[in-house]
Amino acid sequence: MKVIVGLGNPGPRYAGTRHNVGFDVVDLLAAGVGTSPFRSRFQAQVAEFADGAETVLLVKPETFMNLSGQSVRQALDFYKQPAESLLVVCDDIALPLGRLRVRMQGTHGGHNGLRDIQAHLGTTAYSRLRIGVGAPDDDAADHVLGRFRPTERAAVTEAVARAAEAALVWVRHGTTECMNRYNGEKDATPKRPKKSRDHDASPDV
């Protein structure tokens, strides 16, 4: 089994925000033929599909971003899966809009969703796929909880589609192949100045 977790915040208030691109990727994967309907399990919305002989579990935690690790821990424990079977998809304000970055392991980098997952799993040895949502002009929390500008939507739609493709490459060929294919792609927009990534100060973020 492979487990793909998209990070975000639940509810219509947060739908379409920069912080919810992980949810958007999982929703796109779930739209494929043969995927089960989402159901509530592990404090999350969960669906699954078969990719060849591999079962792929799709998870959207409903705990709010800063408590994402609770849901991830429950899912892995239930299916007795190691952290190496996990791919977490999330936003990244340190990456230019539309840029993808795949890593086999690493620190949370200031992202509190990844921070909580790391705390609950007790390891950084899980794969993550970050999607650039652009650097904030001012307040980072307002930026990630805000929606994309009309001029950004085409780039974001393309990035979510590429991220869904990258997730399937990860399932079929592993993290190294996924990194080789997607980490060298060009930015969707010119690079903006990097700001602090500690952008998850409240439970809603």
Protein backbone atom coordinates (compact mmCIF):
# COMPACT_ATOMS: atom_id res chain seq x y z
CA MET A 1 0.00 0.00 0.00
CA LYS A 2 0.97 3.60 -0.67
CA VAL A 3 -0.55 6.48 1.32
CA ILE A 4 -0.92 9.93 -0.24
CA VAL A 5 -1.89 12.66 2.21
CA GLY A 6 -2.93 16.09 0.94
CA LEU A 7 -2.72 18.82 3.58
CA GLY A 8 -5.28 21.58 3.97
CA ASN A 9 -8.04 22.93 6.17
CA PRO A 10 -11.58 21.50 6.04
CA GLY A 11 -14.74 23.38 5.15
CA PRO A 12 -15.91 25.82 2.48
CA ARG A 13 -14.20 28.76 4.20
CA TYR A 14 -10.81 27.38 3.16
CA ALA A 15 -11.67 25.81 -0.20
CA GLY A 16 -9.49 27.17 -2.97
CA THR A 17 -6.96 28.82 -0.65
CA ARG A 18 -3.20 28.54 -1.13
CA HIS A 19 -2.94 26.38 1.99
CA ASN A 20 -5.30 23.81 0.44
CA VAL A 21 -3.41 22.84 -2.70
CA GLY A 22 -2.68 19.47 -1.08
CA PHE A 23 -6.42 18.82 -0.86
CA ASP A 24 -6.75 19.88 -4.50
CA VAL A 25 -4.18 17.31 -5.62
CA VAL A 26 -5.89 14.51 -3.70
CA ASP A 27 -9.28 15.54 -5.12
CA LEU A 28 -7.85 15.36 -8.64
CA LEU A 29 -6.41 11.91 -7.99
CA ALA A 30 -9.76 10.81 -6.55
CA ALA A 31 -11.54 11.89 -9.74
CA GLY A 32 -9.92 9.00 -11.61
CA VAL A 33 -11.88 5.94 -12.67
CA GLY A 34 -12.17 3.24 -10.03
CA THR A 35 -11.63 5.41 -6.95
CA SER A 36 -13.94 4.72 -4.03
CA PRO A 37 -16.09 7.54 -2.63
CA PHE A 38 -14.57 9.54 0.21
CA ARG A 39 -15.62 8.41 3.67
CA SER A 40 -14.82 9.62 7.18
CA ARG A 41 -12.02 7.66 8.87
CA PHE A 42 -8.94 8.53 10.91
CA GLN A 43 -10.22 12.10 11.48
CA ALA A 44 -10.00 12.53 7.73
CA GLN A 45 -11.76 12.04 4.42
CA VAL A 46 -10.35 8.85 2.92
CA ALA A 47 -10.68 7.19 -0.50
CA GLU A 48 -8.69 4.51 -2.29
CA PHE A 49 -7.95 3.09 -5.70
CA ALA A 50 -5.87 0.31 -7.22
CA ASP A 51 -2.86 1.11 -9.40
CA GLY A 52 -1.87 -2.26 -10.79
CA ALA A 53 -1.20 -4.47 -7.79
CA GLU A 54 -0.74 -1.46 -5.50
CA THR A 55 -3.52 -0.08 -3.30
CA VAL A 56 -3.31 3.70 -2.98
CA LEU A 57 -4.95 5.36 0.03
CA LEU A 58 -5.90 9.03 -0.37
CA VAL A 59 -6.19 11.04 2.84
CA LYS A 60 -7.43 14.59 3.53
CA PRO A 61 -7.07 15.27 7.29
CA GLU A 62 -9.96 17.16 8.87
CA THR A 63 -8.03 18.16 11.99
CA PHE A 64 -6.94 21.55 10.58
CA MET A 65 -3.42 22.03 9.30
CA ASN A 66 -1.54 22.27 12.58
CA LEU A 67 -2.87 18.90 13.83
CA SER A 68 -2.40 16.91 10.63
CA GLY A 69 -0.15 14.34 12.29
CA GLN A 70 -3.00 12.85 14.32
CA SER A 71 -4.80 11.68 11.21
CA VAL A 72 -1.65 10.49 9.43
CA ARG A 73 -0.55 8.46 12.46
CA GLN A 74 -3.95 6.77 12.73
CA ALA A 75 -4.01 5.79 9.05
CA LEU A 76 -0.49 4.36 9.05
CA ASP A 77 -1.09 2.47 12.30
CA PHE A 78 -4.36 0.97 11.10
CA TYR A 79 -2.81 -0.38 7.91
CA LYS A 80 0.52 -1.18 9.62
CA GLN A 81 2.43 0.90 7.11
CA PRO A 82 5.90 2.40 7.67
CA ALA A 83 6.63 6.08 7.12
CA GLU A 84 8.41 5.14 3.88
CA SER A 85 5.02 4.29 2.34
CA LEU A 86 3.83 7.90 2.84
CA LEU A 87 3.79 10.89 0.47
CA VAL A 88 2.62 14.21 1.91
CA VAL A 89 1.49 16.93 -0.54
CA CYS A 90 1.47 20.51 0.75
CA ASP A 91 1.93 24.18 -0.08
CA ASP A 92 5.23 26.03 0.18
CA ILE A 93 5.63 29.80 0.34
CA ALA A 94 9.40 29.51 -0.17
CA LEU A 95 8.88 28.16 -3.70
CA PRO A 96 7.83 30.30 -6.66
CA LEU A 97 4.25 29.89 -7.79
CA GLY A 98 3.77 26.57 -9.56
CA ARG A 99 7.20 25.08 -8.77
CA LEU A 100 7.18 21.47 -7.51
CA ARG A 101 9.80 20.05 -5.19
CA VAL A 102 9.96 16.38 -4.19
CA ARG A 103 12.08 15.14 -1.31
CA MET A 104 12.64 11.67 0.15
CA GLN A 105 12.93 13.08 3.68
CA GLY A 106 13.82 16.30 5.45
CA THR A 107 12.78 18.79 8.09
CA HIS A 108 9.41 20.50 8.26
CA GLY A 109 10.99 23.76 7.06
CA GLY A 110 8.60 25.85 9.18
CA HIS A 111 5.43 24.27 7.78
CA ASN A 112 3.32 23.36 10.79
CA GLY A 113 1.43 20.59 9.01
CA LEU A 114 4.72 18.83 8.33
CA ARG A 115 5.92 19.75 11.82
CA ASP A 116 2.99 17.92 13.42
CA ILE A 117 3.38 14.89 11.15
CA GLN A 118 7.05 14.69 12.10
CA ALA A 119 6.13 14.91 15.80
CA HIS A 120 3.55 12.12 15.57
CA LEU A 121 5.64 9.79 13.40
CA GLY A 122 8.89 10.46 15.26
CA THR A 123 10.80 10.59 11.98
CA THR A 124 11.50 12.77 8.96
CA ALA A 125 11.91 9.71 6.71
CA TYR A 126 8.78 10.14 4.63
CA SER A 127 8.42 11.63 1.16
CA ARG A 128 6.92 15.03 0.59
CA LEU A 129 5.79 16.91 -2.50
CA ARG A 130 5.70 20.67 -2.05
CA ILE A 131 3.83 23.02 -4.39
CA GLY A 132 4.98 26.61 -4.62
CA VAL A 133 2.26 29.13 -3.82
CA GLY A 134 4.47 32.22 -3.98
CA ALA A 135 5.97 34.35 -1.22
CA PRO A 136 3.73 36.69 0.79
CA ASP A 137 3.95 40.45 0.35
CA ASP A 138 3.17 40.98 4.03
CA ASP A 139 1.48 38.63 6.50
CA ALA A 140 2.23 34.97 5.76
CA ALA A 141 -0.92 33.63 7.46
CA ASP A 142 -3.16 35.94 5.45
CA HIS A 143 -1.30 34.88 2.31
CA VAL A 144 -1.75 31.12 2.71
CA LEU A 145 -5.36 31.49 3.88
CA GLY A 146 -6.13 33.71 0.91
CA ARG A 147 -7.20 32.64 -2.56
CA PHE A 148 -5.15 32.89 -5.72
CA ARG A 149 -5.41 35.99 -7.85
CA PRO A 150 -7.10 35.59 -11.25
CA THR A 151 -3.71 36.00 -12.94
CA GLU A 152 -2.33 33.07 -10.91
CA ARG A 153 -5.12 30.55 -11.42
CA ALA A 154 -3.90 29.06 -14.70
CA ALA A 155 -0.45 28.41 -13.22
CA VAL A 156 -1.95 26.85 -10.09
CA THR A 157 -4.28 24.61 -12.06
CA GLU A 158 -1.32 23.38 -14.10
CA ALA A 159 0.78 22.85 -10.97
CA VAL A 160 -1.95 20.79 -9.28
CA ALA A 161 -2.26 18.63 -12.41
CA ARG A 162 1.52 18.10 -12.55
CA ALA A 163 1.58 17.31 -8.83
CA ALA A 164 -1.09 14.63 -9.32
CA GLU A 165 1.03 13.15 -12.12
CA ALA A 166 4.08 13.29 -9.87
CA ALA A 167 2.21 11.46 -7.12
CA LEU A 168 1.43 8.62 -9.52
CA VAL A 169 5.07 8.49 -10.61
CA TRP A 170 5.98 8.20 -6.93
CA VAL A 171 3.54 5.29 -6.50
CA ARG A 172 4.86 3.44 -9.56
CA HIS A 173 8.56 4.26 -9.58
CA GLY A 174 9.51 5.69 -6.18
CA THR A 175 10.78 8.97 -4.83
CA THR A 176 14.10 9.14 -6.70
CA GLU A 177 12.45 8.84 -10.11
CA CYS A 178 9.82 11.38 -9.07
CA MET A 179 12.55 13.81 -8.01
CA ASN A 180 14.42 13.34 -11.27
CA ARG A 181 11.33 14.09 -13.34
CA TYR A 182 9.81 17.01 -11.46
CA ASN A 183 12.45 18.87 -9.43
CA GLY A 184 14.13 20.44 -12.44
CA GLU A 185 11.03 22.03 -13.94
CA LYS A 186 10.95 25.74 -14.69
CA ASP A 187 9.04 28.14 -12.47
CA ALA A 188 5.54 29.17 -13.47
CA THR A 189 6.30 32.79 -12.54
CA PRO A 190 9.46 34.84 -11.87
CA LYS A 191 10.97 34.15 -8.47
CA ARG A 192 9.93 36.50 -5.67
CA PRO A 193 11.92 37.32 -2.52
CA LYS A 194 11.90 34.51 0.02
CA LYS A 195 10.08 35.19 3.29
CA SER A 196 9.91 33.31 6.56
CA ARG A 197 8.15 29.95 6.36
CA ASP A 198 6.83 30.03 9.93
CA HIS A 199 3.35 30.75 8.65
CA ASP A 200 1.16 28.44 10.73
CA ALA A 201 0.64 30.33 13.95
CA SER A 202 -3.01 29.50 14.61
CA PRO A 203 -4.88 26.14 14.70
CA ASP A 204 -6.77 27.16 11.56
CA VAL A 205 -3.60 27.65 9.54
